[in-house]
Amino acid sequence: MGDAERIEEACCGIQFGKDEFKPFEEKLRILNKALTKGKIEVLQVNLGYRCNENCLHCHLNAGPDGTIMQEEVMEAIVEVAKRNPGLVVDITGGAPELNPFVSNFLEDISPFSKEIFFRTNLTALEKRWDLIGLFKTIGVKLIASFPHIREEKVDFFRGKGFFKRALRVLKDLTAEGFGWKYPLYLMVNPTELALVKSKGSLKETFRDFLITYLWEDLKSIS
Protein backbone atom coordinates (compact mmCIF):
# COMPACT_ATOMS: atom_id res chain seq x y z
CA MET A 1 0.00 0.00 0.00
CA GLY A 2 1.40 3.40 -1.02
CA ASP A 3 1.34 6.67 0.90
CA ALA A 4 -1.73 7.92 -0.97
CA GLU A 5 -3.66 4.79 -0.08
CA ARG A 6 -2.60 5.08 3.56
CA ILE A 7 -3.89 8.65 3.68
CA GLU A 8 -7.21 7.38 2.33
CA GLU A 9 -7.47 4.76 5.07
CA ALA A 10 -10.04 5.19 7.82
CA CYS A 11 -8.61 6.65 11.02
CA CYS A 12 -10.79 6.58 14.13
CA GLY A 13 -13.80 6.12 11.90
CA ILE A 14 -13.05 9.17 9.71
CA GLN A 15 -11.93 9.06 6.07
CA PHE A 16 -9.05 11.44 5.35
CA GLY A 17 -8.26 12.30 1.74
CA LYS A 18 -5.42 14.55 0.66
CA ASP A 19 -7.83 17.42 0.04
CA GLU A 20 -9.10 17.22 3.63
CA PHE A 21 -5.99 18.86 5.12
CA LYS A 22 -6.98 22.49 4.80
CA PRO A 23 -5.70 25.48 6.81
CA PHE A 24 -7.32 25.78 10.23
CA GLU A 25 -8.95 29.14 9.43
CA GLU A 26 -10.48 27.68 6.25
CA LYS A 27 -11.85 24.70 8.15
CA LEU A 28 -13.54 27.04 10.63
CA ARG A 29 -15.12 28.97 7.76
CA ILE A 30 -16.39 25.80 6.10
CA LEU A 31 -17.89 24.59 9.38
CA ASN A 32 -19.31 28.05 10.09
CA LYS A 33 -17.51 28.14 13.42
CA ALA A 34 -15.93 31.08 15.20
CA LEU A 35 -13.47 31.03 18.08
CA THR A 36 -14.12 33.74 20.62
CA LYS A 37 -12.33 34.64 23.83
CA GLY A 38 -14.25 34.01 27.00
CA LYS A 39 -13.84 35.74 30.32
CA ILE A 40 -10.38 35.29 31.82
CA GLU A 41 -10.68 33.55 35.19
CA VAL A 42 -7.23 32.09 35.81
CA LEU A 43 -3.87 33.81 35.59
CA GLN A 44 -1.12 31.19 35.44
CA VAL A 45 2.34 32.51 36.17
CA ASN A 46 5.49 30.51 35.46
CA LEU A 47 8.20 32.04 37.63
CA GLY A 48 10.99 30.42 35.66
CA TYR A 49 12.76 27.23 34.69
CA ARG A 50 15.06 27.06 37.70
CA CYS A 51 14.53 23.95 39.80
CA ASN A 52 16.41 22.10 42.52
CA GLU A 53 15.73 18.80 40.75
CA ASN A 54 16.60 17.41 37.31
CA CYS A 55 13.59 15.19 36.70
CA LEU A 56 13.78 12.72 33.83
CA HIS A 57 10.27 13.51 32.62
CA CYS A 58 10.30 17.34 32.87
CA HIS A 59 8.82 18.77 29.67
CA LEU A 60 10.38 22.17 30.45
CA ASN A 61 13.91 20.82 30.95
CA ALA A 62 13.98 22.75 34.23
CA GLY A 63 17.02 22.45 36.46
CA PRO A 64 19.46 24.27 38.75
CA ASP A 65 20.75 26.44 35.89
CA GLY A 66 17.31 27.39 34.57
CA THR A 67 16.33 31.01 34.00
CA ILE A 68 13.91 32.87 36.27
CA MET A 69 11.27 35.52 35.71
CA GLN A 70 12.67 38.95 36.52
CA GLU A 71 11.20 41.28 39.13
CA GLU A 72 9.98 43.90 36.64
CA VAL A 73 7.93 41.26 34.81
CA MET A 74 6.39 40.14 38.09
CA GLU A 75 5.52 43.75 38.91
CA ALA A 76 3.76 44.03 35.55
CA ILE A 77 1.75 40.88 36.35
CA VAL A 78 0.65 42.42 39.64
CA GLU A 79 -0.59 45.44 37.67
CA VAL A 80 -2.64 43.08 35.47
CA ALA A 81 -4.17 41.58 38.62
CA LYS A 82 -4.97 45.06 39.93
CA ARG A 83 -6.87 45.88 36.74
CA ASN A 84 -8.68 42.52 36.85
CA PRO A 85 -9.41 41.83 40.53
CA GLY A 86 -10.83 38.46 41.51
CA LEU A 87 -8.71 36.23 39.27
CA VAL A 88 -7.45 32.84 40.39
CA VAL A 89 -3.64 32.98 40.38
CA ASP A 90 -1.84 29.71 39.62
CA ILE A 91 1.91 29.88 40.31
CA THR A 92 4.24 27.31 38.82
CA GLY A 93 7.77 26.75 37.52
CA GLY A 94 10.40 25.12 37.51
CA ALA A 95 10.38 25.34 41.25
CA PRO A 96 8.77 28.73 41.95
CA GLU A 97 10.29 28.67 45.44
CA LEU A 98 13.70 29.33 43.85
CA ASN A 99 12.73 32.68 42.39
CA PRO A 100 14.23 35.21 44.83
CA PHE A 101 11.32 37.60 44.30
CA VAL A 102 8.57 35.06 45.02
CA SER A 103 7.69 36.28 48.54
CA ASN A 104 7.25 39.89 47.43
CA PHE A 105 5.22 38.73 44.46
CA LEU A 106 2.86 36.70 46.65
CA GLU A 107 2.37 39.58 49.06
CA ASP A 108 1.76 42.08 46.26
CA ILE A 109 -0.68 40.00 44.21
CA SER A 110 -2.63 38.50 47.12
CA PRO A 111 -4.97 41.49 47.75
CA PHE A 112 -6.29 41.31 44.18
CA SER A 113 -6.64 37.53 43.89
CA LYS A 114 -9.66 35.33 44.49
CA GLU A 115 -7.41 32.35 45.21
CA ILE A 116 -3.70 31.60 44.93
CA PHE A 117 -2.49 28.12 44.01
CA PHE A 118 1.20 27.35 44.41
CA ARG A 119 2.66 24.29 42.71
CA THR A 120 5.57 22.64 44.50
CA ASN A 121 7.74 19.57 44.08
CA LEU A 122 7.97 19.52 47.92
CA THR A 123 11.77 19.25 48.14
CA ALA A 124 12.15 22.91 47.10
CA LEU A 125 10.19 23.78 50.26
CA GLU A 126 12.68 21.99 52.51
CA LYS A 127 13.40 24.27 55.51
CA ARG A 128 11.67 27.20 53.78
CA TRP A 129 9.87 28.23 56.95
CA ASP A 130 9.65 31.84 55.76
CA LEU A 131 7.69 30.83 52.69
CA ILE A 132 5.56 28.27 54.53
CA GLY A 133 4.62 30.94 57.06
CA LEU A 134 3.67 33.32 54.25
CA PHE A 135 1.48 30.64 52.68
CA LYS A 136 -0.45 30.40 55.94
CA THR A 137 -0.74 34.16 56.36
CA ILE A 138 -2.21 34.90 52.94
CA GLY A 139 -4.08 31.61 52.45
CA VAL A 140 -2.10 30.03 49.64
CA LYS A 141 -3.38 26.63 48.46
CA LEU A 142 -0.53 24.19 47.90
CA ILE A 143 -0.51 21.69 45.03
CA ALA A 144 2.27 19.21 45.75
CA SER A 145 3.60 16.84 43.12
CA PHE A 146 4.05 13.35 44.56
CA PRO A 147 4.22 10.77 41.78
CA HIS A 148 3.81 7.44 43.57
CA ILE A 149 3.89 5.67 46.93
CA ARG A 150 6.75 3.36 45.88
CA GLU A 151 10.21 4.76 46.51
CA GLU A 152 11.91 3.08 43.54
CA LYS A 153 9.38 4.48 41.06
CA VAL A 154 9.63 8.02 42.41
CA ASP A 155 13.43 8.04 42.63
CA PHE A 156 13.73 6.71 39.09
CA PHE A 157 12.04 9.83 37.71
CA ARG A 158 12.99 12.42 40.33
CA GLY A 159 16.45 11.28 41.38
CA LYS A 160 17.85 9.16 44.20
CA GLY A 161 16.71 10.31 47.62
CA PHE A 162 13.81 12.43 46.37
CA PHE A 163 11.15 10.17 47.86
CA LYS A 164 12.39 10.35 51.45
CA ARG A 165 13.08 14.09 51.28
CA ALA A 166 9.60 14.77 49.90
CA LEU A 167 8.05 12.72 52.70
CA ARG A 168 9.95 14.74 55.30
CA VAL A 169 8.61 17.97 53.82
CA LEU A 170 5.08 16.54 53.74
CA LYS A 171 5.42 15.70 57.42
CA ASP A 172 6.65 19.23 58.19
CA LEU A 173 3.76 20.75 56.23
CA THR A 174 1.25 18.62 58.10
CA ALA A 175 2.75 19.71 61.41
CA GLU A 176 2.22 23.30 60.21
CA GLY A 177 -1.45 22.57 59.54
CA PHE A 178 -1.42 21.89 55.81
CA GLY A 179 -3.76 19.15 54.69
CA TRP A 180 -6.22 19.70 57.53
CA LYS A 181 -6.22 23.40 58.47
CA TYR A 182 -4.69 24.87 55.32
CA PRO A 183 -5.32 23.46 51.82
CA LEU A 184 -2.84 20.92 50.48
CA TYR A 185 -3.51 18.82 47.38
CA LEU A 186 -1.32 15.96 46.19
CA MET A 187 -0.90 15.74 42.43
CA VAL A 188 -0.06 12.29 41.11
CA ASN A 189 2.03 11.90 37.96
CA PRO A 190 2.02 8.72 35.86
CA THR A 191 5.23 6.74 36.40
CA GLU A 192 4.59 4.13 33.72
CA LEU A 193 2.80 3.68 30.39
CA ALA A 194 -0.67 3.69 31.93
CA LEU A 195 -3.19 6.22 33.13
CA VAL A 196 -3.39 6.91 36.85
CA LYS A 197 -6.17 5.32 38.88
CA SER A 198 -9.48 7.00 39.67
CA LYS A 199 -9.55 9.82 42.20
CA GLY A 200 -11.35 7.71 44.80
CA SER A 201 -8.94 4.82 44.48
CA LEU A 202 -5.90 7.12 44.65
CA LYS A 203 -7.24 8.91 47.70
CA GLU A 204 -7.67 5.64 49.57
CA THR A 205 -4.25 4.33 48.51
CA PHE A 206 -2.38 7.49 49.48
CA ARG A 207 -4.31 7.95 52.71
CA ASP A 208 -3.45 4.44 53.86
CA PHE A 209 0.18 4.96 52.91
CA LEU A 210 0.52 8.31 54.69
CA ILE A 211 -1.18 7.05 57.84
CA THR A 212 1.02 3.95 57.93
CA TYR A 213 4.36 5.61 57.24
CA LEU A 214 4.05 9.19 58.44
CA TRP A 215 1.77 10.27 61.20
CA GLU A 216 -0.91 8.66 63.34
CA ASP A 217 -3.00 11.80 63.79
CA LEU A 218 -4.06 11.65 60.12
CA LYS A 219 -6.57 9.05 61.24
CA SER A 220 -8.68 11.77 62.81
CA ILE A 221 -8.67 13.95 59.68
CA SER A 222 -11.63 13.45 57.35
Foldseek 3Di string as FASTA:
>chain_A
DDPQVVQQDDDPNDGGHPVNDDDPVVVCVVVVHDDDDDDAAEAEEAQWLAAPWQFPPDPSRRYNPIDGDDPVVLVVVLVVLVVVAAHEYEYHYNANLPPPCSLVSCVSNLVRYNAYEHEHCQLSCVVVVVVLVSCVVSQHAYEYEDADLDQVLRCVGTNPPSNVSSLVSVLVSVVVPEPANGHYHYDHDDSDPDDDDDPVVVVVVVLVSCCVPPHVVSVVGD
